[in-house]
N, C-alpha and C. Protein backbone atom coordinates (compact mmCIF):
# COMPACT_ATOMS: atom_id res chain seq x y z
N MET A 1 3.81 59.55 60.64
CA MET A 1 3.49 60.96 60.65
C MET A 1 1.99 61.10 60.63
N THR A 2 1.50 61.88 61.55
CA THR A 2 0.05 61.91 61.78
C THR A 2 -0.30 63.05 62.70
N CYS A 3 -1.58 63.35 62.74
CA CYS A 3 -2.12 64.14 63.84
C CYS A 3 -3.45 63.53 64.24
N ILE A 4 -3.52 63.14 65.49
CA ILE A 4 -4.75 62.65 66.10
C ILE A 4 -5.05 63.61 67.25
N ALA A 5 -6.26 64.14 67.28
CA ALA A 5 -6.65 65.08 68.33
C ALA A 5 -7.95 64.60 68.95
N GLY A 6 -8.04 64.70 70.27
CA GLY A 6 -9.24 64.28 70.96
C GLY A 6 -9.61 65.22 72.08
N LEU A 7 -10.89 65.18 72.45
CA LEU A 7 -11.35 66.01 73.56
C LEU A 7 -12.60 65.40 74.17
N ILE A 8 -12.88 65.85 75.38
CA ILE A 8 -14.08 65.45 76.09
C ILE A 8 -15.01 66.66 76.13
N HIS A 9 -16.29 66.41 75.79
CA HIS A 9 -17.29 67.48 75.82
C HIS A 9 -18.60 66.90 76.33
N GLU A 10 -19.05 67.39 77.48
CA GLU A 10 -20.32 66.98 78.08
C GLU A 10 -20.47 65.46 78.14
N GLY A 11 -19.42 64.79 78.61
CA GLY A 11 -19.44 63.34 78.80
C GLY A 11 -19.21 62.51 77.55
N GLN A 12 -19.04 63.16 76.40
CA GLN A 12 -18.74 62.47 75.15
C GLN A 12 -17.28 62.66 74.81
N VAL A 13 -16.68 61.64 74.19
CA VAL A 13 -15.30 61.74 73.73
C VAL A 13 -15.32 61.86 72.21
N PHE A 14 -14.61 62.85 71.69
CA PHE A 14 -14.48 63.08 70.26
C PHE A 14 -13.01 62.89 69.90
N ILE A 15 -12.75 62.13 68.83
CA ILE A 15 -11.39 61.95 68.34
C ILE A 15 -11.40 62.15 66.83
N GLY A 16 -10.42 62.92 66.35
CA GLY A 16 -10.28 63.16 64.92
C GLY A 16 -8.87 62.88 64.48
N GLY A 17 -8.73 62.54 63.21
CA GLY A 17 -7.40 62.25 62.67
C GLY A 17 -7.29 62.60 61.21
N ASP A 18 -6.07 62.71 60.76
CA ASP A 18 -5.79 63.02 59.36
C ASP A 18 -5.72 61.73 58.55
N SER A 19 -5.27 61.83 57.30
CA SER A 19 -5.22 60.67 56.40
C SER A 19 -3.83 60.42 55.82
N ALA A 20 -2.80 61.07 56.34
CA ALA A 20 -1.46 60.93 55.78
C ALA A 20 -0.83 59.59 56.13
N GLY A 21 -0.25 58.97 55.13
CA GLY A 21 0.63 57.83 55.31
C GLY A 21 1.99 58.28 54.82
N VAL A 22 2.96 58.42 55.70
CA VAL A 22 4.25 59.01 55.35
C VAL A 22 5.37 58.03 55.61
N ALA A 23 6.27 57.93 54.64
CA ALA A 23 7.50 57.14 54.79
C ALA A 23 8.62 57.95 54.15
N GLY A 24 9.47 58.52 55.00
CA GLY A 24 10.52 59.39 54.48
C GLY A 24 9.90 60.61 53.82
N PHE A 25 10.21 60.80 52.52
CA PHE A 25 9.62 61.92 51.78
C PHE A 25 8.39 61.51 50.98
N ASP A 26 7.97 60.26 51.10
CA ASP A 26 6.81 59.77 50.36
C ASP A 26 5.54 59.97 51.18
N LEU A 27 4.50 60.46 50.52
CA LEU A 27 3.21 60.71 51.16
C LEU A 27 2.12 60.00 50.37
N THR A 28 1.29 59.26 51.07
CA THR A 28 0.09 58.66 50.49
C THR A 28 -1.09 59.11 51.32
N VAL A 29 -2.12 59.63 50.68
CA VAL A 29 -3.35 59.94 51.39
C VAL A 29 -4.13 58.64 51.43
N ARG A 30 -4.32 58.12 52.63
CA ARG A 30 -4.89 56.79 52.82
C ARG A 30 -6.42 56.84 52.86
N ALA A 31 -7.04 55.80 52.30
CA ALA A 31 -8.49 55.66 52.34
C ALA A 31 -8.96 55.05 53.66
N ASP A 32 -8.09 54.29 54.32
CA ASP A 32 -8.45 53.66 55.59
C ASP A 32 -8.22 54.65 56.74
N ALA A 33 -9.30 55.00 57.41
CA ALA A 33 -9.27 56.03 58.45
C ALA A 33 -8.46 55.59 59.66
N LYS A 34 -7.79 56.56 60.28
CA LYS A 34 -7.02 56.33 61.50
C LYS A 34 -7.89 56.46 62.75
N VAL A 35 -9.15 56.80 62.57
CA VAL A 35 -10.08 56.98 63.68
C VAL A 35 -11.29 56.07 63.44
N PHE A 36 -11.70 55.34 64.48
CA PHE A 36 -12.79 54.38 64.33
C PHE A 36 -13.31 53.98 65.70
N LYS A 37 -14.47 53.33 65.69
CA LYS A 37 -15.05 52.78 66.91
C LYS A 37 -14.83 51.28 66.93
N ASN A 38 -14.65 50.76 68.14
CA ASN A 38 -14.56 49.33 68.37
C ASN A 38 -15.32 49.08 69.67
N GLY A 39 -16.54 48.58 69.55
CA GLY A 39 -17.37 48.39 70.74
C GLY A 39 -17.66 49.69 71.44
N ASP A 40 -17.39 49.75 72.73
CA ASP A 40 -17.64 50.95 73.54
C ASP A 40 -16.48 51.94 73.51
N PHE A 41 -15.56 51.76 72.58
CA PHE A 41 -14.34 52.56 72.51
C PHE A 41 -14.27 53.32 71.19
N VAL A 42 -13.61 54.48 71.23
CA VAL A 42 -13.25 55.18 70.00
C VAL A 42 -11.73 55.32 70.02
N PHE A 43 -11.10 55.00 68.89
CA PHE A 43 -9.64 54.99 68.77
C PHE A 43 -9.18 55.98 67.71
N GLY A 44 -8.00 56.52 67.90
CA GLY A 44 -7.29 57.31 66.90
C GLY A 44 -5.82 56.98 67.04
N PHE A 45 -5.21 56.44 65.97
CA PHE A 45 -3.85 55.92 66.12
C PHE A 45 -2.82 56.67 65.28
N THR A 46 -1.59 56.58 65.75
CA THR A 46 -0.41 56.99 65.02
C THR A 46 0.54 55.79 65.10
N SER A 47 1.77 55.94 64.76
CA SER A 47 2.80 54.90 64.82
C SER A 47 2.80 53.99 63.60
N SER A 48 1.71 53.25 63.36
CA SER A 48 1.72 52.24 62.30
C SER A 48 0.30 51.91 61.86
N PHE A 49 0.11 51.83 60.54
CA PHE A 49 -1.19 51.40 60.04
C PHE A 49 -1.45 49.94 60.42
N ARG A 50 -0.41 49.13 60.55
CA ARG A 50 -0.60 47.75 60.98
C ARG A 50 -1.19 47.71 62.39
N MET A 51 -0.66 48.54 63.27
CA MET A 51 -1.20 48.58 64.62
C MET A 51 -2.67 48.99 64.57
N GLY A 52 -2.98 50.01 63.78
CA GLY A 52 -4.36 50.46 63.65
C GLY A 52 -5.28 49.38 63.11
N GLN A 53 -4.80 48.61 62.14
CA GLN A 53 -5.60 47.52 61.60
C GLN A 53 -5.89 46.47 62.66
N LEU A 54 -4.89 46.18 63.49
CA LEU A 54 -5.10 45.22 64.57
C LEU A 54 -6.09 45.76 65.61
N LEU A 55 -5.96 47.03 65.97
CA LEU A 55 -6.89 47.63 66.92
C LEU A 55 -8.32 47.61 66.39
N ARG A 56 -8.46 47.82 65.11
CA ARG A 56 -9.79 47.91 64.50
C ARG A 56 -10.43 46.55 64.25
N HIS A 57 -9.64 45.59 63.75
CA HIS A 57 -10.21 44.34 63.26
C HIS A 57 -9.90 43.11 64.11
N SER A 58 -8.94 43.20 65.02
CA SER A 58 -8.54 42.03 65.79
C SER A 58 -8.71 42.22 67.30
N PHE A 59 -8.50 43.42 67.78
CA PHE A 59 -8.54 43.68 69.22
C PHE A 59 -9.96 43.54 69.75
N VAL A 60 -10.10 42.75 70.80
CA VAL A 60 -11.38 42.60 71.49
C VAL A 60 -11.19 43.17 72.90
N PRO A 61 -11.71 44.38 73.14
CA PRO A 61 -11.54 44.95 74.48
C PRO A 61 -12.20 44.06 75.53
N PRO A 62 -11.50 43.80 76.61
CA PRO A 62 -12.08 42.94 77.65
C PRO A 62 -13.21 43.65 78.39
N LYS A 63 -14.08 42.87 78.97
CA LYS A 63 -15.19 43.42 79.75
C LYS A 63 -14.65 44.08 81.01
N ARG A 64 -15.24 45.23 81.33
CA ARG A 64 -14.92 45.88 82.61
C ARG A 64 -16.10 45.69 83.53
N TYR A 65 -15.81 45.18 84.70
CA TYR A 65 -16.86 44.99 85.70
C TYR A 65 -17.11 46.31 86.41
N PRO A 66 -18.37 46.62 86.72
CA PRO A 66 -18.73 47.93 87.28
C PRO A 66 -17.97 48.32 88.54
N ASP A 67 -17.51 47.34 89.32
CA ASP A 67 -16.80 47.68 90.55
C ASP A 67 -15.33 48.00 90.33
N LYS A 68 -14.84 47.87 89.09
CA LYS A 68 -13.43 48.15 88.81
C LYS A 68 -13.29 49.59 88.30
N ASP A 69 -12.40 50.34 88.92
CA ASP A 69 -12.09 51.70 88.52
C ASP A 69 -11.66 51.74 87.04
N VAL A 70 -12.10 52.76 86.31
CA VAL A 70 -11.81 52.85 84.88
C VAL A 70 -10.30 52.90 84.63
N MET A 71 -9.56 53.71 85.37
CA MET A 71 -8.11 53.79 85.16
C MET A 71 -7.45 52.46 85.48
N ALA A 72 -7.84 51.83 86.56
CA ALA A 72 -7.27 50.52 86.91
C ALA A 72 -7.55 49.50 85.80
N TYR A 73 -8.75 49.54 85.25
CA TYR A 73 -9.10 48.66 84.11
C TYR A 73 -8.20 48.93 82.91
N MET A 74 -8.02 50.20 82.57
CA MET A 74 -7.19 50.56 81.40
C MET A 74 -5.75 50.09 81.58
N VAL A 75 -5.20 50.30 82.77
CA VAL A 75 -3.80 49.98 83.04
C VAL A 75 -3.56 48.47 83.10
N THR A 76 -4.56 47.71 83.49
CA THR A 76 -4.38 46.27 83.66
C THR A 76 -5.07 45.48 82.55
N ASP A 77 -6.36 45.29 82.65
CA ASP A 77 -7.09 44.42 81.71
C ASP A 77 -6.96 44.88 80.27
N PHE A 78 -7.18 46.18 80.02
CA PHE A 78 -7.13 46.72 78.66
C PHE A 78 -5.72 46.55 78.07
N VAL A 79 -4.70 46.98 78.81
CA VAL A 79 -3.33 46.91 78.29
C VAL A 79 -2.88 45.45 78.13
N ASP A 80 -3.26 44.57 79.03
CA ASP A 80 -2.90 43.15 78.86
C ASP A 80 -3.49 42.58 77.57
N ALA A 81 -4.76 42.87 77.31
CA ALA A 81 -5.40 42.39 76.06
C ALA A 81 -4.75 43.05 74.84
N LEU A 82 -4.42 44.32 74.95
CA LEU A 82 -3.76 45.04 73.86
C LEU A 82 -2.40 44.41 73.54
N ARG A 83 -1.60 44.16 74.55
CA ARG A 83 -0.28 43.55 74.34
C ARG A 83 -0.42 42.20 73.64
N ASN A 84 -1.36 41.39 74.10
CA ASN A 84 -1.57 40.08 73.48
C ASN A 84 -1.98 40.20 72.02
N CYS A 85 -2.86 41.14 71.72
CA CYS A 85 -3.31 41.36 70.34
C CYS A 85 -2.14 41.80 69.44
N LEU A 86 -1.36 42.77 69.91
CA LEU A 86 -0.26 43.28 69.09
C LEU A 86 0.83 42.23 68.88
N LYS A 87 1.08 41.42 69.91
CA LYS A 87 2.06 40.32 69.77
C LYS A 87 1.56 39.29 68.77
N ALA A 88 0.30 38.86 68.93
CA ALA A 88 -0.27 37.84 68.04
C ALA A 88 -0.33 38.32 66.60
N GLY A 89 -0.51 39.63 66.41
CA GLY A 89 -0.59 40.20 65.07
C GLY A 89 0.76 40.55 64.47
N GLY A 90 1.84 40.25 65.19
CA GLY A 90 3.18 40.50 64.66
C GLY A 90 3.63 41.94 64.71
N PHE A 91 2.97 42.78 65.52
CA PHE A 91 3.36 44.18 65.57
C PHE A 91 4.29 44.51 66.72
N ALA A 92 3.99 44.05 67.93
CA ALA A 92 4.81 44.38 69.09
C ALA A 92 6.23 43.86 68.90
N SER A 93 7.19 44.59 69.42
CA SER A 93 8.59 44.16 69.30
C SER A 93 9.28 44.30 70.65
N LYS A 94 10.48 43.76 70.74
CA LYS A 94 11.29 43.87 71.95
C LYS A 94 12.61 44.54 71.60
N SER A 95 13.00 45.46 72.46
CA SER A 95 14.27 46.15 72.29
C SER A 95 14.90 46.27 73.67
N ASN A 96 16.10 45.71 73.84
CA ASN A 96 16.76 45.70 75.14
C ASN A 96 15.85 45.14 76.23
N GLU A 97 15.18 44.06 75.92
CA GLU A 97 14.26 43.37 76.84
C GLU A 97 13.06 44.20 77.26
N THR A 98 12.78 45.28 76.52
CA THR A 98 11.61 46.10 76.76
C THR A 98 10.64 45.92 75.61
N GLU A 99 9.40 45.59 75.92
CA GLU A 99 8.39 45.41 74.89
C GLU A 99 7.92 46.78 74.41
N VAL A 100 7.75 46.90 73.09
CA VAL A 100 7.36 48.17 72.48
C VAL A 100 6.13 47.97 71.60
N GLY A 101 5.14 48.83 71.78
CA GLY A 101 3.93 48.81 70.96
C GLY A 101 3.87 50.08 70.13
N GLY A 102 2.77 50.78 70.19
CA GLY A 102 2.60 52.02 69.43
C GLY A 102 1.84 53.03 70.26
N CYS A 103 1.51 54.15 69.65
CA CYS A 103 0.88 55.27 70.35
C CYS A 103 -0.50 55.54 69.75
N PHE A 104 -1.48 55.76 70.63
CA PHE A 104 -2.82 56.10 70.15
C PHE A 104 -3.63 56.75 71.25
N LEU A 105 -4.72 57.40 70.85
CA LEU A 105 -5.71 57.92 71.78
C LEU A 105 -6.88 56.95 71.80
N VAL A 106 -7.49 56.82 72.95
CA VAL A 106 -8.68 55.98 73.07
C VAL A 106 -9.66 56.64 74.02
N GLY A 107 -10.91 56.70 73.60
CA GLY A 107 -11.97 57.22 74.43
C GLY A 107 -12.82 56.09 74.96
N TYR A 108 -13.11 56.15 76.25
CA TYR A 108 -13.91 55.11 76.88
C TYR A 108 -14.55 55.68 78.15
N ALA A 109 -15.81 55.38 78.35
CA ALA A 109 -16.53 55.76 79.57
C ALA A 109 -16.45 57.26 79.86
N GLY A 110 -16.53 58.06 78.79
CA GLY A 110 -16.49 59.52 78.95
C GLY A 110 -15.12 60.08 79.27
N ARG A 111 -14.08 59.26 79.09
CA ARG A 111 -12.70 59.69 79.40
C ARG A 111 -11.81 59.49 78.19
N LEU A 112 -10.75 60.28 78.11
CA LEU A 112 -9.81 60.24 76.99
C LEU A 112 -8.44 59.82 77.50
N PHE A 113 -7.91 58.75 76.92
CA PHE A 113 -6.62 58.20 77.35
C PHE A 113 -5.62 58.23 76.20
N GLU A 114 -4.36 58.38 76.56
CA GLU A 114 -3.25 58.30 75.61
C GLU A 114 -2.43 57.06 75.97
N ILE A 115 -2.34 56.13 75.05
CA ILE A 115 -1.53 54.93 75.25
C ILE A 115 -0.20 55.16 74.53
N GLU A 116 0.88 55.06 75.27
CA GLU A 116 2.22 55.28 74.72
C GLU A 116 2.84 53.96 74.27
N SER A 117 3.96 54.04 73.58
CA SER A 117 4.59 52.85 73.02
C SER A 117 5.11 51.90 74.10
N ASP A 118 5.27 52.38 75.34
CA ASP A 118 5.67 51.49 76.44
C ASP A 118 4.46 50.99 77.22
N TYR A 119 3.27 51.19 76.65
CA TYR A 119 1.99 50.77 77.21
C TYR A 119 1.56 51.58 78.43
N GLN A 120 2.22 52.71 78.66
CA GLN A 120 1.79 53.63 79.70
C GLN A 120 0.42 54.18 79.32
N VAL A 121 -0.45 54.34 80.29
CA VAL A 121 -1.78 54.92 80.08
C VAL A 121 -1.78 56.31 80.69
N GLY A 122 -1.97 57.33 79.86
CA GLY A 122 -2.01 58.70 80.36
C GLY A 122 -3.40 59.29 80.20
N GLU A 123 -3.70 60.24 81.07
CA GLU A 123 -4.97 60.96 80.99
C GLU A 123 -4.70 62.42 81.33
N SER A 124 -4.89 63.29 80.37
CA SER A 124 -4.59 64.70 80.55
C SER A 124 -5.62 65.38 81.43
N ALA A 125 -5.17 66.28 82.27
CA ALA A 125 -6.07 67.05 83.13
C ALA A 125 -6.79 68.15 82.35
N THR A 126 -6.37 68.42 81.11
CA THR A 126 -6.96 69.50 80.32
C THR A 126 -8.26 69.12 79.63
N GLY A 127 -8.54 67.81 79.51
CA GLY A 127 -9.74 67.38 78.78
C GLY A 127 -9.52 67.26 77.30
N TYR A 128 -8.29 67.43 76.84
CA TYR A 128 -7.96 67.23 75.44
C TYR A 128 -6.56 66.66 75.33
N ALA A 129 -6.27 66.06 74.17
CA ALA A 129 -4.94 65.48 73.94
C ALA A 129 -4.71 65.39 72.43
N ALA A 130 -3.46 65.25 72.06
CA ALA A 130 -3.09 65.06 70.65
C ALA A 130 -1.81 64.25 70.59
N VAL A 131 -1.69 63.43 69.56
CA VAL A 131 -0.49 62.62 69.33
C VAL A 131 -0.12 62.70 67.86
N GLY A 132 1.11 62.33 67.58
CA GLY A 132 1.62 62.36 66.21
C GLY A 132 2.49 63.57 65.97
N CYS A 133 3.02 63.67 64.77
CA CYS A 133 3.96 64.74 64.46
C CYS A 133 3.33 66.13 64.49
N GLY A 134 2.02 66.22 64.35
CA GLY A 134 1.33 67.50 64.41
C GLY A 134 0.74 67.81 65.76
N SER A 135 1.13 67.06 66.78
CA SER A 135 0.46 67.19 68.09
C SER A 135 0.69 68.54 68.76
N GLN A 136 1.87 69.12 68.62
CA GLN A 136 2.10 70.39 69.31
C GLN A 136 1.22 71.50 68.75
N VAL A 137 1.09 71.54 67.43
CA VAL A 137 0.22 72.55 66.82
C VAL A 137 -1.22 72.29 67.23
N ALA A 138 -1.66 71.03 67.20
CA ALA A 138 -3.03 70.69 67.59
C ALA A 138 -3.30 71.04 69.05
N HIS A 139 -2.32 70.78 69.93
CA HIS A 139 -2.50 71.16 71.34
C HIS A 139 -2.73 72.66 71.48
N GLY A 140 -1.95 73.45 70.76
CA GLY A 140 -2.12 74.90 70.81
C GLY A 140 -3.50 75.33 70.33
N ALA A 141 -3.95 74.73 69.24
CA ALA A 141 -5.27 75.07 68.71
C ALA A 141 -6.37 74.66 69.69
N LEU A 142 -6.26 73.48 70.27
CA LEU A 142 -7.27 73.02 71.23
C LEU A 142 -7.31 73.91 72.47
N PHE A 143 -6.15 74.41 72.87
CA PHE A 143 -6.09 75.33 74.00
C PHE A 143 -6.80 76.64 73.65
N ALA A 144 -6.57 77.12 72.44
CA ALA A 144 -7.03 78.45 72.05
C ALA A 144 -8.48 78.51 71.57
N ASN A 145 -9.07 77.36 71.20
CA ASN A 145 -10.41 77.41 70.60
C ASN A 145 -11.49 76.77 71.46
N SER A 146 -11.38 76.87 72.76
CA SER A 146 -12.29 76.17 73.67
C SER A 146 -13.75 76.63 73.56
N GLU A 147 -14.01 77.76 72.91
CA GLU A 147 -15.39 78.24 72.78
C GLU A 147 -16.15 77.58 71.64
N LEU A 148 -15.45 76.87 70.76
CA LEU A 148 -16.09 76.22 69.62
C LEU A 148 -16.77 74.91 70.02
N PRO A 149 -17.76 74.47 69.22
CA PRO A 149 -18.32 73.13 69.44
C PRO A 149 -17.25 72.07 69.18
N PRO A 150 -17.39 70.87 69.73
CA PRO A 150 -16.32 69.88 69.68
C PRO A 150 -15.83 69.48 68.28
N VAL A 151 -16.74 69.25 67.34
CA VAL A 151 -16.29 68.85 65.99
C VAL A 151 -15.53 69.98 65.31
N ALA A 152 -16.02 71.21 65.46
CA ALA A 152 -15.32 72.37 64.89
C ALA A 152 -13.96 72.56 65.55
N ARG A 153 -13.91 72.32 66.83
CA ARG A 153 -12.66 72.47 67.59
C ARG A 153 -11.59 71.49 67.11
N ILE A 154 -11.99 70.23 66.94
CA ILE A 154 -11.04 69.22 66.46
C ILE A 154 -10.66 69.50 65.01
N THR A 155 -11.64 69.85 64.19
CA THR A 155 -11.34 70.16 62.78
C THR A 155 -10.33 71.30 62.69
N GLN A 156 -10.53 72.35 63.47
CA GLN A 156 -9.59 73.47 63.45
C GLN A 156 -8.20 73.06 63.92
N ALA A 157 -8.12 72.20 64.92
CA ALA A 157 -6.82 71.72 65.39
C ALA A 157 -6.11 70.92 64.31
N LEU A 158 -6.84 70.07 63.60
CA LEU A 158 -6.25 69.27 62.53
C LEU A 158 -5.85 70.15 61.34
N GLU A 159 -6.67 71.14 61.02
CA GLU A 159 -6.33 72.08 59.93
C GLU A 159 -5.07 72.87 60.27
N ALA A 160 -4.93 73.28 61.53
CA ALA A 160 -3.73 74.01 61.95
C ALA A 160 -2.51 73.11 61.82
N ALA A 161 -2.63 71.85 62.23
CA ALA A 161 -1.51 70.91 62.12
C ALA A 161 -1.15 70.67 60.65
N GLU A 162 -2.16 70.55 59.80
CA GLU A 162 -1.89 70.37 58.36
C GLU A 162 -1.18 71.59 57.77
N ALA A 163 -1.56 72.78 58.20
CA ALA A 163 -0.96 74.01 57.69
C ALA A 163 0.49 74.20 58.12
N HIS A 164 0.87 73.56 59.25
CA HIS A 164 2.19 73.80 59.82
C HIS A 164 3.06 72.56 59.97
N ASN A 165 2.61 71.43 59.41
CA ASN A 165 3.40 70.21 59.52
C ASN A 165 3.26 69.40 58.24
N ALA A 166 4.39 69.07 57.63
CA ALA A 166 4.39 68.36 56.34
C ALA A 166 3.87 66.93 56.44
N GLY A 167 3.77 66.37 57.65
CA GLY A 167 3.32 65.00 57.82
C GLY A 167 1.85 64.84 58.11
N VAL A 168 1.08 65.92 57.99
CA VAL A 168 -0.35 65.89 58.29
C VAL A 168 -1.11 66.28 57.03
N ARG A 169 -2.14 65.49 56.70
CA ARG A 169 -2.90 65.75 55.48
C ARG A 169 -4.35 65.31 55.63
N GLY A 170 -5.27 66.15 55.15
CA GLY A 170 -6.67 65.76 55.10
C GLY A 170 -6.90 64.75 54.00
N PRO A 171 -8.07 64.23 53.89
CA PRO A 171 -9.25 64.59 54.65
C PRO A 171 -9.17 64.12 56.10
N PHE A 172 -9.98 64.78 56.92
CA PHE A 172 -10.02 64.48 58.34
C PHE A 172 -11.26 63.63 58.66
N HIS A 173 -11.11 62.75 59.62
CA HIS A 173 -12.19 61.88 60.06
C HIS A 173 -12.38 62.08 61.55
N ILE A 174 -13.63 62.24 61.98
CA ILE A 174 -13.93 62.46 63.40
C ILE A 174 -15.03 61.49 63.82
N GLU A 175 -14.80 60.86 64.97
CA GLU A 175 -15.78 59.94 65.56
C GLU A 175 -15.99 60.35 67.01
N SER A 176 -17.14 59.97 67.56
CA SER A 176 -17.40 60.24 68.97
C SER A 176 -18.11 59.06 69.60
N ILE A 177 -18.00 59.01 70.91
CA ILE A 177 -18.66 57.95 71.67
C ILE A 177 -19.03 58.48 73.04
């Protein structure tokens, strides 16, 4: 249970997240942030704190050569390295011969991507995205508050998700790249 919200503003990617750790009816406000930088990337994760720990402390994003399209890089080199990291860290699983990872937002090269549990790489045409149990409320807030500066916009989206979803809790953390 989480809300991660991201947006692109003037070539910068901003991602913010809450601090809720939820299991059933149990809630822990976590000290370890769900949003962080790793090299030239900014991440915001949902699904599992283990996955987030691997993304933060174990994942080494592969080099992208200038002649390779950013989306092609994300779909191939980035996802291949991600799959290897999650498998080596004991997080990835198989169900009906389908490999399953987790869900997160990642900002890179002025673009915002959503990685799904099937390793699909998505990129919204709106310039913003949200994942986690509070994502629908955050999407609505991001749509409605486009006149605000980026940090205020993400903060308001996360506050709206916290106000309307039991699985979202501050404090909020925001990073940009």
